Amino acid sequence: MAQITMTFDSMEEFLTFAAGKLTLKPGSVERLTSIGALDPNKVNSFPMNPPVETVPEVQIPTVQTPPVQTPEAPAPVIPVASATTVAEPAASVQPTAEPMTVERLQKAAQYFMDASKVPVLTAMIQSFGVQRISELKQDQLEAFAAAMREKGATV
């Protein structure tokens, strides 16, 4: 921050200086007069607002430039699959290498609990003629796992 000290011989000298540099807000003259900082008889002896210098209007000629033509880039080549593309068959339910267990099915049943789909799980269990997963017979486990997969569970 810079500090500037200025010394004036009189208030009139200060106001003369200030009038050329500052713009006083409305009411400033009255305020300065009321506190005795300004002689009301000398208020009109100097301008409160600096004169505005008028600048002659200059017309700038407009120059029209022809549009720049840029060479077009070749369109990118996008490979398109031919109509003879063979879609892969949908993934079928493959039995896992290790045999299905009741414990794996119970763990997979957590999906239904987390997704608030307990009624779906209950209906599925009952469709196999049992009340609990632990009551499924060994030969029903793979079929029950497939049914769970169809409903979104990961077994």
C-alpha atoms as a PDB file:
ATOM      1  CA  MET A   1       0.000   0.000   0.000  1.00  0.00           C
ATOM      2  CA  ALA A   2       1.334   3.433  -0.890  1.00  0.00           C
ATOM      3  CA  GLN A   3       0.786   6.464   1.303  1.00  0.00           C
ATOM      4  CA  ILE A   4       0.762   9.917  -0.258  1.00  0.00           C
ATOM      5  CA  THR A   5       0.919  13.057   1.849  1.00  0.00           C
ATOM      6  CA  MET A   6      -0.144  16.358   0.325  1.00  0.00           C
ATOM      7  CA  THR A   7       0.009  19.743   2.012  1.00  0.00           C
ATOM      8  CA  PHE A   8      -2.180  22.674   0.990  1.00  0.00           C
ATOM      9  CA  ASP A   9      -1.862  26.264   2.220  1.00  0.00           C
ATOM     10  CA  SER A  10      -5.620  26.679   2.504  1.00  0.00           C
ATOM     11  CA  MET A  11      -8.882  24.841   2.207  1.00  0.00           C
ATOM     12  CA  GLU A  12      -9.607  26.817  -0.939  1.00  0.00           C
ATOM     13  CA  GLU A  13      -6.389  25.545  -2.507  1.00  0.00           C
ATOM     14  CA  PHE A  14      -7.353  21.999  -1.567  1.00  0.00           C
ATOM     15  CA  LEU A  15     -10.879  22.359  -2.949  1.00  0.00           C
ATOM     16  CA  THR A  16      -9.548  23.881  -6.149  1.00  0.00           C
ATOM     17  CA  PHE A  17      -7.237  20.899  -6.510  1.00  0.00           C
ATOM     18  CA  ALA A  18      -9.951  18.418  -5.566  1.00  0.00           C
ATOM     19  CA  ALA A  19     -12.501  19.954  -7.897  1.00  0.00           C
ATOM     20  CA  GLY A  20     -10.259  19.220 -10.834  1.00  0.00           C
ATOM     21  CA  LYS A  21      -9.557  15.653  -9.728  1.00  0.00           C
ATOM     22  CA  LEU A  22     -12.657  14.434  -7.911  1.00  0.00           C
ATOM     23  CA  THR A  23     -16.333  14.279  -8.534  1.00  0.00           C
ATOM     24  CA  LEU A  24     -18.307  15.228  -5.433  1.00  0.00           C
ATOM     25  CA  LYS A  25     -21.430  13.263  -4.630  1.00  0.00           C
ATOM     26  CA  PRO A  26     -24.763  15.064  -4.315  1.00  0.00           C
ATOM     27  CA  GLY A  27     -24.995  16.611  -0.857  1.00  0.00           C
ATOM     28  CA  SER A  28     -21.214  16.781  -0.380  1.00  0.00           C
ATOM     29  CA  VAL A  29     -21.109  20.553  -0.715  1.00  0.00           C
ATOM     30  CA  GLU A  30     -23.882  20.956   1.866  1.00  0.00           C
ATOM     31  CA  ARG A  31     -22.115  18.597   4.247  1.00  0.00           C
ATOM     32  CA  LEU A  32     -18.771  20.376   3.880  1.00  0.00           C
ATOM     33  CA  THR A  33     -20.501  23.723   4.389  1.00  0.00           C
ATOM     34  CA  SER A  34     -22.373  22.528   7.493  1.00  0.00           C
ATOM     35  CA  ILE A  35     -19.190  21.418   9.253  1.00  0.00           C
ATOM     36  CA  GLY A  36     -17.401  24.654   8.319  1.00  0.00           C
ATOM     37  CA  ALA A  37     -14.983  23.042   5.890  1.00  0.00           C
ATOM     38  CA  LEU A  38     -16.297  25.030   2.949  1.00  0.00           C
ATOM     39  CA  ASP A  39     -17.180  28.691   2.571  1.00  0.00           C
ATOM     40  CA  PRO A  40     -20.588  28.767   0.846  1.00  0.00           C
ATOM     41  CA  ASN A  41     -19.691  32.116  -0.742  1.00  0.00           C
ATOM     42  CA  LYS A  42     -16.857  30.476  -2.678  1.00  0.00           C
ATOM     43  CA  VAL A  43     -18.638  27.252  -3.752  1.00  0.00           C
ATOM     44  CA  ASN A  44     -19.412  28.523  -7.227  1.00  0.00           C
ATOM     45  CA  SER A  45     -15.942  29.942  -7.761  1.00  0.00           C
ATOM     46  CA  PHE A  46     -14.599  26.576  -8.969  1.00  0.00           C
ATOM     47  CA  PRO A  47     -16.223  23.699 -10.823  1.00  0.00           C
ATOM     48  CA  MET A  48     -17.375  20.723  -8.766  1.00  0.00           C
ATOM     49  CA  ASN A  49     -17.315  18.416 -11.737  1.00  0.00           C
ATOM     50  CA  PRO A  50     -14.406  18.524 -14.148  1.00  0.00           C
ATOM     51  CA  PRO A  51     -15.297  19.623 -17.663  1.00  0.00           C
ATOM     52  CA  VAL A  52     -15.938  16.781 -20.050  1.00  0.00           C
ATOM     53  CA  GLU A  53     -13.698  16.766 -23.039  1.00  0.00           C
ATOM     54  CA  THR A  54     -15.560  15.872 -26.192  1.00  0.00           C
ATOM     55  CA  VAL A  55     -13.803  13.713 -28.684  1.00  0.00           C
ATOM     56  CA  PRO A  56     -14.787  14.075 -32.321  1.00  0.00           C
ATOM     57  CA  GLU A  57     -16.512  11.010 -33.687  1.00  0.00           C
ATOM     58  CA  VAL A  58     -14.290   9.038 -35.988  1.00  0.00           C
ATOM     59  CA  GLN A  59     -15.804   6.713 -38.486  1.00  0.00           C
ATOM     60  CA  ILE A  60     -13.786   3.595 -39.053  1.00  0.00           C
ATOM     61  CA  PRO A  61     -14.175   2.163 -42.501  1.00  0.00           C
ATOM     62  CA  THR A  62     -15.233  -1.444 -42.603  1.00  0.00           C
ATOM     63  CA  VAL A  63     -13.223  -3.783 -44.719  1.00  0.00           C
ATOM     64  CA  GLN A  64     -14.923  -6.825 -46.106  1.00  0.00           C
ATOM     65  CA  THR A  65     -12.687  -9.781 -46.522  1.00  0.00           C
ATOM     66  CA  PRO A  66     -13.641 -12.633 -48.788  1.00  0.00           C
ATOM     67  CA  PRO A  67     -14.477 -15.838 -46.957  1.00  0.00           C
ATOM     68  CA  VAL A  68     -11.530 -18.136 -46.537  1.00  0.00           C
ATOM     69  CA  GLN A  69     -12.023 -21.475 -48.199  1.00  0.00           C
ATOM     70  CA  THR A  70     -10.371 -24.335 -46.456  1.00  0.00           C
ATOM     71  CA  PRO A  71      -9.968 -27.674 -48.161  1.00  0.00           C
ATOM     72  CA  GLU A  72     -12.407 -30.227 -46.841  1.00  0.00           C
ATOM     73  CA  ALA A  73     -10.925 -33.102 -44.948  1.00  0.00           C
ATOM     74  CA  PRO A  74     -11.903 -36.490 -46.259  1.00  0.00           C
ATOM     75  CA  ALA A  75     -14.691 -38.127 -44.315  1.00  0.00           C
ATOM     76  CA  PRO A  76     -13.413 -40.659 -41.807  1.00  0.00           C
ATOM     77  CA  VAL A  77     -13.821 -44.264 -42.795  1.00  0.00           C
ATOM     78  CA  ILE A  78     -15.907 -46.119 -40.260  1.00  0.00           C
ATOM     79  CA  PRO A  79     -15.897 -49.876 -40.578  1.00  0.00           C
ATOM     80  CA  VAL A  80     -19.397 -51.282 -40.790  1.00  0.00           C
ATOM     81  CA  ALA A  81     -20.226 -54.823 -39.873  1.00  0.00           C
ATOM     82  CA  SER A  82     -21.474 -56.774 -42.828  1.00  0.00           C
ATOM     83  CA  ALA A  83     -24.918 -58.310 -42.880  1.00  0.00           C
ATOM     84  CA  THR A  84     -23.339 -61.741 -42.717  1.00  0.00           C
ATOM     85  CA  THR A  85     -22.047 -61.169 -39.188  1.00  0.00           C
ATOM     86  CA  VAL A  86     -23.037 -64.091 -37.051  1.00  0.00           C
ATOM     87  CA  ALA A  87     -24.372 -63.219 -33.645  1.00  0.00           C
ATOM     88  CA  GLU A  88     -23.017 -65.252 -30.825  1.00  0.00           C
ATOM     89  CA  PRO A  89     -25.575 -67.528 -29.257  1.00  0.00           C
ATOM     90  CA  ALA A  90     -27.027 -66.347 -25.977  1.00  0.00           C
ATOM     91  CA  ALA A  91     -25.148 -67.625 -22.997  1.00  0.00           C
ATOM     92  CA  SER A  92     -26.880 -70.695 -21.758  1.00  0.00           C
ATOM     93  CA  VAL A  93     -26.868 -71.753 -18.175  1.00  0.00           C
ATOM     94  CA  GLN A  94     -23.786 -73.818 -17.794  1.00  0.00           C
ATOM     95  CA  PRO A  95     -23.331 -75.958 -14.768  1.00  0.00           C
ATOM     96  CA  THR A  96     -20.263 -74.936 -12.839  1.00  0.00           C
ATOM     97  CA  ALA A  97     -17.276 -77.197 -12.487  1.00  0.00           C
ATOM     98  CA  GLU A  98     -18.016 -77.712  -8.828  1.00  0.00           C
ATOM     99  CA  PRO A  99     -21.344 -79.200  -7.840  1.00  0.00           C
ATOM    100  CA  MET A 100     -24.137 -76.892  -6.687  1.00  0.00           C
ATOM    101  CA  THR A 101     -24.594 -76.767  -2.940  1.00  0.00           C
ATOM    102  CA  VAL A 102     -27.330 -75.567  -0.630  1.00  0.00           C
ATOM    103  CA  GLU A 103     -24.831 -73.122   0.880  1.00  0.00           C
ATOM    104  CA  ARG A 104     -24.150 -71.485  -2.520  1.00  0.00           C
ATOM    105  CA  LEU A 105     -27.898 -71.146  -3.149  1.00  0.00           C
ATOM    106  CA  GLN A 106     -28.437 -69.619   0.291  1.00  0.00           C
ATOM    107  CA  LYS A 107     -25.650 -67.126  -0.370  1.00  0.00           C
ATOM    108  CA  ALA A 108     -27.178 -66.258  -3.763  1.00  0.00           C
ATOM    109  CA  ALA A 109     -30.581 -65.794  -2.089  1.00  0.00           C
ATOM    110  CA  GLN A 110     -29.132 -62.683  -0.407  1.00  0.00           C
ATOM    111  CA  TYR A 111     -29.701 -60.878  -3.738  1.00  0.00           C
ATOM    112  CA  PHE A 112     -33.467 -61.200  -3.253  1.00  0.00           C
ATOM    113  CA  MET A 113     -33.210 -59.966   0.331  1.00  0.00           C
ATOM    114  CA  ASP A 114     -31.121 -56.926  -0.670  1.00  0.00           C
ATOM    115  CA  ALA A 115     -33.390 -56.083  -3.610  1.00  0.00           C
ATOM    116  CA  SER A 116     -36.553 -56.357  -1.452  1.00  0.00           C
ATOM    117  CA  LYS A 117     -37.719 -59.304  -3.588  1.00  0.00           C
ATOM    118  CA  VAL A 118     -38.414 -61.765  -0.774  1.00  0.00           C
ATOM    119  CA  PRO A 119     -41.875 -62.638  -2.191  1.00  0.00           C
ATOM    120  CA  VAL A 120     -40.206 -63.615  -5.495  1.00  0.00           C
ATOM    121  CA  LEU A 121     -37.770 -65.876  -3.640  1.00  0.00           C
ATOM    122  CA  THR A 122     -40.551 -67.390  -1.528  1.00  0.00           C
ATOM    123  CA  ALA A 123     -42.666 -68.174  -4.602  1.00  0.00           C
ATOM    124  CA  MET A 124     -39.656 -69.748  -6.309  1.00  0.00           C
ATOM    125  CA  ILE A 125     -38.898 -71.952  -3.297  1.00  0.00           C
ATOM    126  CA  GLN A 126     -42.531 -73.042  -3.052  1.00  0.00           C
ATOM    127  CA  SER A 127     -42.645 -73.831  -6.773  1.00  0.00           C
ATOM    128  CA  PHE A 128     -40.074 -76.552  -6.041  1.00  0.00           C
ATOM    129  CA  GLY A 129     -42.406 -78.068  -3.440  1.00  0.00           C
ATOM    130  CA  VAL A 130     -40.384 -77.049  -0.385  1.00  0.00           C
ATOM    131  CA  GLN A 131     -40.519 -74.350   2.319  1.00  0.00           C
ATOM    132  CA  ARG A 132     -36.761 -73.652   2.602  1.00  0.00           C
ATOM    133  CA  ILE A 133     -33.746 -73.855   0.312  1.00  0.00           C
ATOM    134  CA  SER A 134     -32.209 -76.359   2.709  1.00  0.00           C
ATOM    135  CA  GLU A 135     -35.106 -78.763   1.923  1.00  0.00           C
ATOM    136  CA  LEU A 136     -34.218 -78.962  -1.803  1.00  0.00           C
ATOM    137  CA  LYS A 137     -33.004 -82.369  -2.985  1.00  0.00           C
ATOM    138  CA  GLN A 138     -29.593 -82.675  -4.604  1.00  0.00           C
ATOM    139  CA  ASP A 139     -31.125 -83.218  -8.061  1.00  0.00           C
ATOM    140  CA  GLN A 140     -33.136 -79.939  -7.704  1.00  0.00           C
ATOM    141  CA  LEU A 141     -30.193 -77.689  -6.860  1.00  0.00           C
ATOM    142  CA  GLU A 142     -29.044 -76.949 -10.464  1.00  0.00           C
ATOM    143  CA  ALA A 143     -32.613 -76.249 -11.619  1.00  0.00           C
ATOM    144  CA  PHE A 144     -33.184 -73.957  -8.636  1.00  0.00           C
ATOM    145  CA  ALA A 145     -29.892 -72.152  -9.383  1.00  0.00           C
ATOM    146  CA  ALA A 146     -31.040 -71.643 -12.989  1.00  0.00           C
ATOM    147  CA  ALA A 147     -34.363 -70.218 -11.762  1.00  0.00           C
ATOM    148  CA  MET A 148     -32.489 -67.825  -9.466  1.00  0.00           C
ATOM    149  CA  ARG A 149     -30.294 -66.673 -12.360  1.00  0.00           C
ATOM    150  CA  GLU A 150     -33.401 -65.985 -14.472  1.00  0.00           C
ATOM    151  CA  LYS A 151     -34.640 -63.651 -11.731  1.00  0.00           C
ATOM    152  CA  GLY A 152     -31.312 -61.762 -11.608  1.00  0.00           C
ATOM    153  CA  ALA A 153     -29.301 -63.486  -8.898  1.00  0.00           C
ATOM    154  CA  THR A 154     -25.662 -64.428  -9.359  1.00  0.00           C
ATOM    155  CA  VAL A 155     -25.102 -68.013  -8.321  1.00  0.00           C
END
